[in-house]
Amino acid sequence: MSGNADPEFWGKARAHLVRYGGPFAPMIAETALGVVPPARAGMASGINSTFRQIGIATGVAGLGAVFQSRITSELASSLPQ
């Protein structure tokens, strides 16, 4: 990895996070509940919540791995041998 981050990449990454995450979460939940019979609404809500949490945990783990790798490479090159 280079020391200079590509601003175009990070701009697109932020746009995707906002587009597919935050503001659309209520609509995704509404759709998940709207396609099942009312008797199964609790199950649909639970499945929606479970997969949302799995996605969040996976994203945090992935970003943590990238962050840790970046810190390790920067420290290795910066510290005296």
Protein backbone atom coordinates (compact mmCIF):
# COMPACT_ATOMS: atom_id res chain seq x y z
CA MET A 1 0.00 0.00 0.00
CA SER A 2 1.20 3.45 -0.73
CA GLY A 3 1.17 6.25 1.80
CA ASN A 4 -1.20 8.35 -0.31
CA ALA A 5 -4.82 7.26 -0.30
CA ASP A 6 -6.75 7.68 -3.52
CA PRO A 7 -9.45 10.27 -2.73
CA GLU A 8 -11.61 9.08 -5.63
CA PHE A 9 -11.69 5.55 -4.18
CA TRP A 10 -12.65 6.76 -0.70
CA GLY A 11 -15.33 9.03 -2.15
CA LYS A 12 -16.88 6.10 -3.98
CA ALA A 13 -16.56 3.86 -0.91
CA ARG A 14 -18.40 6.39 1.27
CA ALA A 15 -21.10 6.77 -1.37
CA HIS A 16 -21.66 3.01 -1.48
CA LEU A 17 -21.81 2.78 2.31
CA VAL A 18 -24.45 5.49 2.46
CA ARG A 19 -26.36 4.23 -0.57
CA TYR A 20 -26.61 0.61 0.53
CA GLY A 21 -26.67 1.12 4.28
CA GLY A 22 -28.04 3.93 6.36
CA PRO A 23 -30.96 5.65 4.70
CA PHE A 24 -32.34 2.51 3.05
CA ALA A 25 -32.40 0.30 6.15
CA PRO A 26 -36.06 1.08 7.02
CA MET A 27 -37.15 0.37 3.45
CA ILE A 28 -35.29 -2.94 3.44
CA ALA A 29 -36.98 -3.93 6.70
CA GLU A 30 -40.37 -2.86 5.36
CA THR A 31 -39.83 -4.96 2.24
CA ALA A 32 -38.74 -7.98 4.29
CA LEU A 33 -41.90 -7.72 6.38
CA GLY A 34 -44.15 -6.91 3.45
CA VAL A 35 -43.49 -10.08 1.48
CA VAL A 36 -44.45 -12.54 4.22
CA PRO A 37 -47.84 -13.31 5.77
CA PRO A 38 -48.57 -11.37 8.97
CA ALA A 39 -48.27 -14.57 11.01
CA ARG A 40 -44.61 -14.82 9.96
CA ALA A 41 -43.70 -11.15 10.39
CA GLY A 42 -41.74 -11.85 13.59
CA MET A 43 -39.67 -14.49 11.83
CA ALA A 44 -38.97 -12.16 8.90
CA SER A 45 -37.98 -9.36 11.25
CA GLY A 46 -35.63 -11.66 13.15
CA ILE A 47 -33.99 -12.92 9.97
CA ASN A 48 -33.60 -9.37 8.68
CA SER A 49 -32.02 -8.26 11.96
CA THR A 50 -29.75 -11.30 12.11
CA PHE A 51 -28.36 -10.78 8.63
CA ARG A 52 -27.95 -7.05 9.23
CA GLN A 53 -25.87 -7.80 12.34
CA ILE A 54 -23.82 -10.41 10.45
CA GLY A 55 -23.13 -7.84 7.75
CA ILE A 56 -22.08 -5.23 10.29
CA ALA A 57 -19.79 -7.67 12.09
CA THR A 58 -18.22 -8.83 8.82
CA GLY A 59 -17.66 -5.24 7.71
CA VAL A 60 -16.06 -4.26 11.02
CA ALA A 61 -13.83 -7.34 10.92
CA GLY A 62 -12.77 -6.60 7.34
CA LEU A 63 -12.01 -2.96 8.04
CA GLY A 64 -10.17 -3.97 11.22
CA ALA A 65 -8.00 -6.38 9.23
CA VAL A 66 -7.18 -3.67 6.68
CA PHE A 67 -6.41 -1.18 9.46
CA GLN A 68 -4.19 -3.67 11.31
CA SER A 69 -2.33 -4.54 8.12
CA ARG A 70 -1.79 -0.89 7.33
CA ILE A 71 -0.54 -0.10 10.85
CA THR A 72 1.81 -3.08 10.80
CA SER A 73 3.33 -2.12 7.44
CA GLU A 74 3.70 1.55 8.42
CA LEU A 75 5.28 0.73 11.78
CA ALA A 76 7.63 -1.83 10.25
CA SER A 77 8.95 0.74 7.81
CA SER A 78 9.10 3.57 10.38
CA LEU A 79 10.75 1.88 13.36
CA PRO A 80 14.54 1.56 13.51
CA GLN A 81 15.87 -1.96 13.08
